């Protein structure tokens, strides 16, 4: 299986985190949704994100050194859909500018909410809508 995925992440303490070329970013305590692509398959990409002992490769790796993945929502697709999902989330949540989108024209692929359940509901609705539209 391949497609896009959304990591629902909890950061229990607000803090500044050095994120690769983006330098120090202040992350508020709360919940984040990170939209990524796994066109080579979900298993290898999600295994990478789950490991604690990794050398940071992507922006999200730096945040995951301090935060915890609470849920993963998959959007199985043959084509890239992460930017569609990111644009939909940008109209619903605050974002971290430039995060996770160095290979596209999106403003961000990381979104913030104080309420984790609200974030999960919105992400799930977007993924379900995309799935229905592609059929």
C-alpha atoms as a PDB file:
ATOM      1  CA  UNK A   1       0.000   0.000   0.000  1.00  0.00           C
ATOM      2  CA  UNK A   2       1.138   3.525  -0.769  1.00  0.00           C
ATOM      3  CA  UNK A   3      -0.192   7.063  -0.690  1.00  0.00           C
ATOM      4  CA  UNK A   4      -0.270   9.883   1.831  1.00  0.00           C
ATOM      5  CA  UNK A   5      -0.335   9.713   5.606  1.00  0.00           C
ATOM      6  CA  UNK A   6      -1.057  12.102   8.422  1.00  0.00           C
ATOM      7  CA  UNK A   7       0.763  11.775  11.723  1.00  0.00           C
ATOM      8  CA  UNK A   8      -1.175  13.104  14.706  1.00  0.00           C
ATOM      9  CA  UNK A   9       1.522  14.232  17.112  1.00  0.00           C
ATOM     10  CA  UNK A  10       1.438  15.397  20.728  1.00  0.00           C
ATOM     11  CA  UNK A  11       3.976  17.832  22.130  1.00  0.00           C
ATOM     12  CA  UNK A  12       3.558  17.965  25.892  1.00  0.00           C
ATOM     13  CA  UNK A  13       5.819  20.965  26.517  1.00  0.00           C
ATOM     14  CA  UNK A  14       6.164  24.112  24.433  1.00  0.00           C
ATOM     15  CA  UNK A  15       9.733  24.613  23.264  1.00  0.00           C
ATOM     16  CA  UNK A  16      12.088  25.855  20.568  1.00  0.00           C
ATOM     17  CA  UNK A  17      13.416  23.077  18.358  1.00  0.00           C
ATOM     18  CA  UNK A  18      16.157  23.375  15.742  1.00  0.00           C
ATOM     19  CA  UNK A  19      14.686  21.997  12.522  1.00  0.00           C
ATOM     20  CA  UNK A  20      17.371  21.482   9.894  1.00  0.00           C
ATOM     21  CA  UNK A  21      17.704  24.471   7.590  1.00  0.00           C
ATOM     22  CA  UNK A  22      14.673  26.175   9.166  1.00  0.00           C
ATOM     23  CA  UNK A  23      16.701  26.789  12.353  1.00  0.00           C
ATOM     24  CA  UNK A  24      14.901  27.281  15.693  1.00  0.00           C
ATOM     25  CA  UNK A  25      11.122  27.111  15.594  1.00  0.00           C
ATOM     26  CA  UNK A  26       8.956  27.648  18.660  1.00  0.00           C
ATOM     27  CA  UNK A  27       6.388  24.864  18.980  1.00  0.00           C
ATOM     28  CA  UNK A  28       3.503  25.427  21.359  1.00  0.00           C
ATOM     29  CA  UNK A  29       2.320  22.674  23.636  1.00  0.00           C
ATOM     30  CA  UNK A  30      -0.489  20.861  21.839  1.00  0.00           C
ATOM     31  CA  UNK A  31      -1.232  18.672  18.869  1.00  0.00           C
ATOM     32  CA  UNK A  32       0.137  18.681  15.351  1.00  0.00           C
ATOM     33  CA  UNK A  33      -0.882  17.015  12.109  1.00  0.00           C
ATOM     34  CA  UNK A  34       1.982  16.295   9.728  1.00  0.00           C
ATOM     35  CA  UNK A  35       1.089  15.397   6.135  1.00  0.00           C
ATOM     36  CA  UNK A  36       3.580  13.185   4.352  1.00  0.00           C
ATOM     37  CA  UNK A  37       3.940  11.036   1.287  1.00  0.00           C
ATOM     38  CA  UNK A  38       4.747   7.326   1.148  1.00  0.00           C
ATOM     39  CA  UNK A  39       4.761   6.556  -2.560  1.00  0.00           C
ATOM     40  CA  UNK A  40       7.349   3.860  -1.899  1.00  0.00           C
ATOM     41  CA  UNK A  41       4.992   2.222   0.589  1.00  0.00           C
ATOM     42  CA  UNK A  42       3.591   3.039   4.016  1.00  0.00           C
ATOM     43  CA  UNK A  43       5.565   0.435   5.935  1.00  0.00           C
ATOM     44  CA  UNK A  44       9.112   1.728   5.326  1.00  0.00           C
ATOM     45  CA  UNK A  45       8.158   5.397   5.789  1.00  0.00           C
ATOM     46  CA  UNK A  46       6.148   4.849   8.964  1.00  0.00           C
ATOM     47  CA  UNK A  47       8.830   2.531  10.357  1.00  0.00           C
ATOM     48  CA  UNK A  48      11.315   5.365   9.874  1.00  0.00           C
ATOM     49  CA  UNK A  49       9.087   7.841  11.719  1.00  0.00           C
ATOM     50  CA  UNK A  50       8.504   5.389  14.585  1.00  0.00           C
ATOM     51  CA  UNK A  51      12.203   4.831  15.299  1.00  0.00           C
ATOM     52  CA  UNK A  52      13.749   6.927  18.063  1.00  0.00           C
ATOM     53  CA  UNK A  53      17.387   6.169  17.123  1.00  0.00           C
ATOM     54  CA  UNK A  54      17.549   7.773  13.709  1.00  0.00           C
ATOM     55  CA  UNK A  55      19.606  10.477  12.110  1.00  0.00           C
ATOM     56  CA  UNK A  56      17.196  13.292  11.161  1.00  0.00           C
ATOM     57  CA  UNK A  57      16.510  13.330   7.431  1.00  0.00           C
ATOM     58  CA  UNK A  58      13.256  15.303   7.111  1.00  0.00           C
ATOM     59  CA  UNK A  59      11.866  18.273   9.055  1.00  0.00           C
ATOM     60  CA  UNK A  60       9.448  15.981  10.906  1.00  0.00           C
ATOM     61  CA  UNK A  61      12.343  13.920  12.298  1.00  0.00           C
ATOM     62  CA  UNK A  62      13.464  16.907  14.380  1.00  0.00           C
ATOM     63  CA  UNK A  63      10.013  17.414  15.908  1.00  0.00           C
ATOM     64  CA  UNK A  64       9.609  13.694  16.602  1.00  0.00           C
ATOM     65  CA  UNK A  65      12.756  13.774  18.752  1.00  0.00           C
ATOM     66  CA  UNK A  66      10.684  15.788  21.265  1.00  0.00           C
ATOM     67  CA  UNK A  67       7.102  14.732  20.490  1.00  0.00           C
ATOM     68  CA  UNK A  68       5.046  11.537  20.290  1.00  0.00           C
ATOM     69  CA  UNK A  69       2.942  10.068  17.494  1.00  0.00           C
ATOM     70  CA  UNK A  70      -0.543   9.426  18.916  1.00  0.00           C
ATOM     71  CA  UNK A  71      -2.262   8.327  15.696  1.00  0.00           C
ATOM     72  CA  UNK A  72      -1.609   7.704  12.012  1.00  0.00           C
ATOM     73  CA  UNK A  73      -4.270   8.246   9.367  1.00  0.00           C
ATOM     74  CA  UNK A  74      -3.642   6.704   5.943  1.00  0.00           C
ATOM     75  CA  UNK A  75      -4.891   7.886   2.566  1.00  0.00           C
ATOM     76  CA  UNK A  76      -4.182   5.079   0.128  1.00  0.00           C
ATOM     77  CA  UNK A  77      -3.620   6.442  -3.381  1.00  0.00           C
ATOM     78  CA  UNK A  78      -1.700   5.768  -6.554  1.00  0.00           C
ATOM     79  CA  UNK A  79      -1.029   9.496  -7.042  1.00  0.00           C
ATOM     80  CA  UNK A  80       0.407  12.106  -4.692  1.00  0.00           C
ATOM     81  CA  UNK A  81      -2.323  13.611  -2.517  1.00  0.00           C
ATOM     82  CA  UNK A  82      -0.356  15.171   0.355  1.00  0.00           C
ATOM     83  CA  UNK A  83      -0.559  18.709  -1.051  1.00  0.00           C
ATOM     84  CA  UNK A  84      -4.329  18.448  -1.490  1.00  0.00           C
ATOM     85  CA  UNK A  85      -4.624  17.337   2.136  1.00  0.00           C
ATOM     86  CA  UNK A  86      -2.232  20.065   3.317  1.00  0.00           C
ATOM     87  CA  UNK A  87      -4.200  22.780   1.491  1.00  0.00           C
ATOM     88  CA  UNK A  88      -7.443  21.548   3.060  1.00  0.00           C
ATOM     89  CA  UNK A  89      -5.874  21.532   6.538  1.00  0.00           C
ATOM     90  CA  UNK A  90      -4.459  25.031   6.015  1.00  0.00           C
ATOM     91  CA  UNK A  91      -7.997  26.414   5.908  1.00  0.00           C
ATOM     92  CA  UNK A  92      -8.820  24.785   9.257  1.00  0.00           C
ATOM     93  CA  UNK A  93      -5.691  25.069  11.413  1.00  0.00           C
ATOM     94  CA  UNK A  94      -2.680  27.252  12.109  1.00  0.00           C
ATOM     95  CA  UNK A  95       0.495  26.070  10.409  1.00  0.00           C
ATOM     96  CA  UNK A  96       4.257  26.145  10.876  1.00  0.00           C
ATOM     97  CA  UNK A  97       5.476  28.057   7.771  1.00  0.00           C
ATOM     98  CA  UNK A  98       7.845  26.167   5.490  1.00  0.00           C
ATOM     99  CA  UNK A  99       7.689  22.945   7.509  1.00  0.00           C
ATOM    100  CA  UNK A 100       7.817  19.735   5.475  1.00  0.00           C
ATOM    101  CA  UNK A 101       7.180  21.386   2.132  1.00  0.00           C
ATOM    102  CA  UNK A 102      10.592  22.103   0.665  1.00  0.00           C
ATOM    103  CA  UNK A 103       9.755  19.951  -2.387  1.00  0.00           C
ATOM    104  CA  UNK A 104       6.405  21.583  -3.221  1.00  0.00           C
ATOM    105  CA  UNK A 105       4.672  24.983  -3.315  1.00  0.00           C
ATOM    106  CA  UNK A 106       2.581  24.517  -0.160  1.00  0.00           C
ATOM    107  CA  UNK A 107       2.985  26.925   2.732  1.00  0.00           C
ATOM    108  CA  UNK A 108       3.332  24.062   5.204  1.00  0.00           C
ATOM    109  CA  UNK A 109       2.719  20.385   5.805  1.00  0.00           C
ATOM    110  CA  UNK A 110       2.499  20.784   9.612  1.00  0.00           C
ATOM    111  CA  UNK A 111      -0.623  22.071  11.336  1.00  0.00           C
ATOM    112  CA  UNK A 112      -1.411  22.931  14.944  1.00  0.00           C
ATOM    113  CA  UNK A 113      -4.478  22.520  17.157  1.00  0.00           C
ATOM    114  CA  UNK A 114      -4.992  22.606  20.894  1.00  0.00           C
ATOM    115  CA  UNK A 115      -7.699  19.913  20.602  1.00  0.00           C
ATOM    116  CA  UNK A 116      -6.473  16.536  19.335  1.00  0.00           C
ATOM    117  CA  UNK A 117      -9.943  15.067  18.804  1.00  0.00           C
ATOM    118  CA  UNK A 118     -11.026  18.018  16.637  1.00  0.00           C
ATOM    119  CA  UNK A 119      -7.875  17.606  14.563  1.00  0.00           C
ATOM    120  CA  UNK A 120      -8.507  13.872  14.092  1.00  0.00           C
ATOM    121  CA  UNK A 121     -12.111  14.528  13.037  1.00  0.00           C
ATOM    122  CA  UNK A 122     -11.107  17.122  10.440  1.00  0.00           C
ATOM    123  CA  UNK A 123      -8.233  15.005   9.050  1.00  0.00           C
ATOM    124  CA  UNK A 124     -10.448  11.922   8.823  1.00  0.00           C
ATOM    125  CA  UNK A 125     -13.188  13.896   7.051  1.00  0.00           C
ATOM    126  CA  UNK A 126     -10.691  15.259   4.502  1.00  0.00           C
ATOM    127  CA  UNK A 127      -9.232  11.795   3.811  1.00  0.00           C
ATOM    128  CA  UNK A 128     -12.713  10.281   3.476  1.00  0.00           C
ATOM    129  CA  UNK A 129     -13.777  13.021   1.067  1.00  0.00           C
ATOM    130  CA  UNK A 130     -10.642  12.497  -1.042  1.00  0.00           C
ATOM    131  CA  UNK A 131     -11.244   8.751  -1.113  1.00  0.00           C
ATOM    132  CA  UNK A 132     -14.858   9.203  -2.291  1.00  0.00           C
ATOM    133  CA  UNK A 133     -13.849  11.761  -4.944  1.00  0.00           C
ATOM    134  CA  UNK A 134     -11.237   9.411  -6.441  1.00  0.00           C
ATOM    135  CA  UNK A 135     -13.704   6.541  -6.929  1.00  0.00           C
END
